[in-house]
N, C-alpha and C. Protein backbone atom coordinates (compact mmCIF):
# COMPACT_ATOMS: atom_id res chain seq x y z
N UNK A 1 0.82 -1.19 0.00
CA UNK A 1 0.00 0.00 0.00
C UNK A 1 0.87 1.26 0.00
N UNK A 2 1.90 1.31 0.82
CA UNK A 2 2.72 2.52 0.87
C UNK A 2 3.53 2.68 -0.42
N UNK A 3 3.93 1.56 -1.04
CA UNK A 3 4.64 1.65 -2.32
C UNK A 3 3.75 2.31 -3.35
N UNK A 4 2.49 1.95 -3.37
CA UNK A 4 1.54 2.52 -4.33
C UNK A 4 1.41 4.03 -4.08
N UNK A 5 1.31 4.42 -2.81
CA UNK A 5 1.20 5.84 -2.47
C UNK A 5 2.45 6.58 -2.90
N UNK A 6 3.61 6.00 -2.64
CA UNK A 6 4.87 6.64 -3.03
C UNK A 6 4.95 6.77 -4.55
N UNK A 7 4.56 5.75 -5.26
CA UNK A 7 4.58 5.76 -6.72
C UNK A 7 3.67 6.88 -7.25
N UNK A 8 2.47 7.01 -6.70
CA UNK A 8 1.53 8.04 -7.13
C UNK A 8 2.09 9.42 -6.79
N UNK A 9 2.71 9.55 -5.61
CA UNK A 9 3.28 10.84 -5.21
C UNK A 9 4.41 11.25 -6.15
N UNK A 10 5.25 10.30 -6.54
CA UNK A 10 6.36 10.61 -7.45
C UNK A 10 5.81 11.03 -8.81
N UNK A 11 4.82 10.32 -9.30
CA UNK A 11 4.22 10.68 -10.59
C UNK A 11 3.58 12.07 -10.51
N UNK A 12 2.89 12.35 -9.40
CA UNK A 12 2.27 13.66 -9.24
C UNK A 12 3.33 14.76 -9.19
N UNK A 13 4.42 14.50 -8.50
CA UNK A 13 5.51 15.48 -8.42
C UNK A 13 6.09 15.75 -9.80
N UNK A 14 6.35 14.71 -10.55
CA UNK A 14 6.92 14.87 -11.89
C UNK A 14 5.94 15.60 -12.80
N UNK A 15 4.68 15.21 -12.75
CA UNK A 15 3.68 15.86 -13.61
C UNK A 15 3.54 17.34 -13.25
N UNK A 16 3.52 17.64 -11.97
CA UNK A 16 3.40 19.04 -11.55
C UNK A 16 4.62 19.83 -11.98
N UNK A 17 5.79 19.26 -11.74
CA UNK A 17 7.03 19.97 -12.04
C UNK A 17 7.16 20.27 -13.52
N UNK A 18 6.94 19.27 -14.35
CA UNK A 18 7.13 19.46 -15.79
C UNK A 18 5.93 20.09 -16.46
N UNK A 19 4.77 20.04 -15.84
CA UNK A 19 3.57 20.60 -16.46
C UNK A 19 3.31 22.04 -16.11
N UNK A 20 3.92 22.53 -15.06
CA UNK A 20 3.67 23.91 -14.63
C UNK A 20 4.30 24.89 -15.61
N UNK A 21 3.69 26.07 -15.71
CA UNK A 21 4.22 27.10 -16.58
C UNK A 21 5.63 27.50 -16.15
N UNK A 22 5.81 27.65 -14.86
CA UNK A 22 7.12 28.01 -14.32
C UNK A 22 7.78 26.75 -13.77
N UNK A 23 7.73 25.68 -14.52
CA UNK A 23 8.20 24.38 -14.06
C UNK A 23 9.65 24.39 -13.63
N UNK A 24 10.51 25.04 -14.37
CA UNK A 24 11.94 25.01 -14.04
C UNK A 24 12.22 25.72 -12.73
N UNK A 25 11.61 26.87 -12.54
CA UNK A 25 11.81 27.61 -11.29
C UNK A 25 11.27 26.85 -10.09
N UNK A 26 10.10 26.27 -10.27
CA UNK A 26 9.49 25.49 -9.18
C UNK A 26 10.32 24.24 -8.91
N UNK A 27 10.84 23.63 -9.96
CA UNK A 27 11.70 22.46 -9.79
C UNK A 27 12.92 22.82 -8.95
N UNK A 28 13.54 23.95 -9.26
CA UNK A 28 14.71 24.38 -8.48
C UNK A 28 14.34 24.63 -7.03
N UNK A 29 13.19 25.23 -6.80
CA UNK A 29 12.74 25.50 -5.44
C UNK A 29 12.54 24.20 -4.66
N UNK A 30 11.86 23.24 -5.28
CA UNK A 30 11.61 21.95 -4.62
C UNK A 30 12.91 21.19 -4.43
N UNK A 31 13.76 21.19 -5.44
CA UNK A 31 15.05 20.49 -5.34
C UNK A 31 15.91 21.10 -4.24
N UNK A 32 15.87 22.40 -4.11
CA UNK A 32 16.62 23.08 -3.06
C UNK A 32 16.11 22.66 -1.69
N UNK A 33 14.79 22.59 -1.55
CA UNK A 33 14.20 22.16 -0.27
C UNK A 33 14.63 20.75 0.07
N UNK A 34 14.52 19.82 -0.87
CA UNK A 34 14.88 18.44 -0.60
C UNK A 34 16.38 18.29 -0.39
N UNK A 35 17.17 19.11 -1.07
CA UNK A 35 18.62 19.08 -0.86
C UNK A 35 18.97 19.50 0.55
N UNK A 36 18.32 20.56 1.04
CA UNK A 36 18.60 20.99 2.41
C UNK A 36 18.11 19.95 3.41
N UNK A 37 16.99 19.30 3.11
CA UNK A 37 16.49 18.24 3.98
C UNK A 37 17.45 17.06 3.99
N UNK A 38 17.90 16.63 2.82
CA UNK A 38 18.77 15.47 2.70
C UNK A 38 20.09 15.68 3.42
N UNK A 39 20.60 16.91 3.42
CA UNK A 39 21.88 17.21 4.03
C UNK A 39 21.76 17.66 5.49
N UNK A 40 20.57 17.63 6.05
CA UNK A 40 20.37 17.97 7.45
C UNK A 40 21.13 16.97 8.33
N UNK A 41 21.83 17.42 9.37
CA UNK A 41 22.62 16.51 10.22
C UNK A 41 21.79 15.37 10.84
N UNK A 42 20.56 15.66 11.24
CA UNK A 42 19.73 14.60 11.82
C UNK A 42 19.36 13.55 10.78
N UNK A 43 19.11 13.99 9.57
CA UNK A 43 18.77 13.05 8.50
C UNK A 43 19.99 12.21 8.14
N UNK A 44 21.16 12.83 8.10
CA UNK A 44 22.39 12.08 7.82
C UNK A 44 22.60 11.00 8.89
N UNK A 45 22.36 11.36 10.14
CA UNK A 45 22.52 10.42 11.25
C UNK A 45 21.53 9.26 11.10
N UNK A 46 20.29 9.57 10.74
CA UNK A 46 19.27 8.54 10.56
C UNK A 46 19.62 7.62 9.39
N UNK A 47 20.15 8.20 8.28
CA UNK A 47 20.55 7.37 7.14
C UNK A 47 21.68 6.43 7.52
N UNK A 48 22.64 6.94 8.29
CA UNK A 48 23.76 6.12 8.72
C UNK A 48 23.27 4.97 9.61
N UNK A 49 22.38 5.29 10.53
CA UNK A 49 21.82 4.28 11.43
C UNK A 49 21.04 3.22 10.64
N UNK A 50 20.25 3.68 9.67
CA UNK A 50 19.48 2.75 8.85
C UNK A 50 20.40 1.84 8.05
N UNK A 51 21.48 2.39 7.53
CA UNK A 51 22.44 1.57 6.79
C UNK A 51 23.05 0.50 7.65
N UNK A 52 23.39 0.84 8.90
CA UNK A 52 23.94 -0.15 9.83
C UNK A 52 22.91 -1.24 10.13
N UNK A 53 21.66 -0.83 10.35
CA UNK A 53 20.61 -1.81 10.63
C UNK A 53 20.38 -2.75 9.45
N UNK A 54 20.44 -2.21 8.25
CA UNK A 54 20.27 -3.04 7.06
C UNK A 54 21.42 -4.03 6.94
N UNK A 55 22.63 -3.59 7.22
CA UNK A 55 23.79 -4.48 7.14
C UNK A 55 23.67 -5.61 8.15
N UNK A 56 23.24 -5.29 9.37
CA UNK A 56 23.04 -6.33 10.39
C UNK A 56 21.97 -7.32 9.96
N UNK A 57 20.85 -6.80 9.49
CA UNK A 57 19.75 -7.67 9.08
C UNK A 57 20.16 -8.54 7.90
N UNK A 58 20.95 -8.00 6.99
CA UNK A 58 21.42 -8.78 5.84
C UNK A 58 22.28 -9.93 6.29
N UNK A 59 23.18 -9.67 7.25
CA UNK A 59 24.05 -10.73 7.76
C UNK A 59 23.24 -11.81 8.45
N UNK A 60 22.26 -11.43 9.25
CA UNK A 60 21.42 -12.40 9.95
C UNK A 60 20.63 -13.23 8.94
N UNK A 61 20.07 -12.58 7.93
CA UNK A 61 19.28 -13.29 6.92
C UNK A 61 20.16 -14.26 6.13
N UNK A 62 21.37 -13.84 5.78
CA UNK A 62 22.28 -14.72 5.04
C UNK A 62 22.66 -15.92 5.89
N UNK A 63 22.90 -15.69 7.16
CA UNK A 63 23.25 -16.79 8.06
C UNK A 63 22.11 -17.79 8.18
N UNK A 64 20.88 -17.28 8.32
CA UNK A 64 19.71 -18.15 8.41
C UNK A 64 19.51 -18.93 7.11
N UNK A 65 19.73 -18.26 5.98
CA UNK A 65 19.55 -18.92 4.69
C UNK A 65 20.59 -20.04 4.52
N UNK A 66 21.84 -19.74 4.89
CA UNK A 66 22.88 -20.78 4.79
C UNK A 66 22.54 -21.96 5.68
N UNK A 67 22.06 -21.66 6.89
CA UNK A 67 21.71 -22.72 7.83
C UNK A 67 20.58 -23.57 7.30
N UNK A 68 19.59 -22.92 6.69
CA UNK A 68 18.43 -23.63 6.19
C UNK A 68 18.77 -24.51 4.98
N UNK A 69 19.62 -24.01 4.09
CA UNK A 69 19.90 -24.74 2.86
C UNK A 69 21.12 -25.65 2.98
N UNK A 70 21.75 -25.68 4.14
CA UNK A 70 22.90 -26.58 4.31
C UNK A 70 22.48 -27.92 4.84
């Protein structure tokens, strides 16, 4: 369900950005906002934490898969 919402949101964003009369200016404004969000120290910390969690989960899943198929 959330993938579908994200997909629709991305399509709406692209359609709005490229369909607007001042599309390029609005695109720059939105891109600037997301750039500042992406580079926010708290967001960087959350991305780093998520990456570590994914790495741990991947190792656990690989270990379980090896155990199951061995």
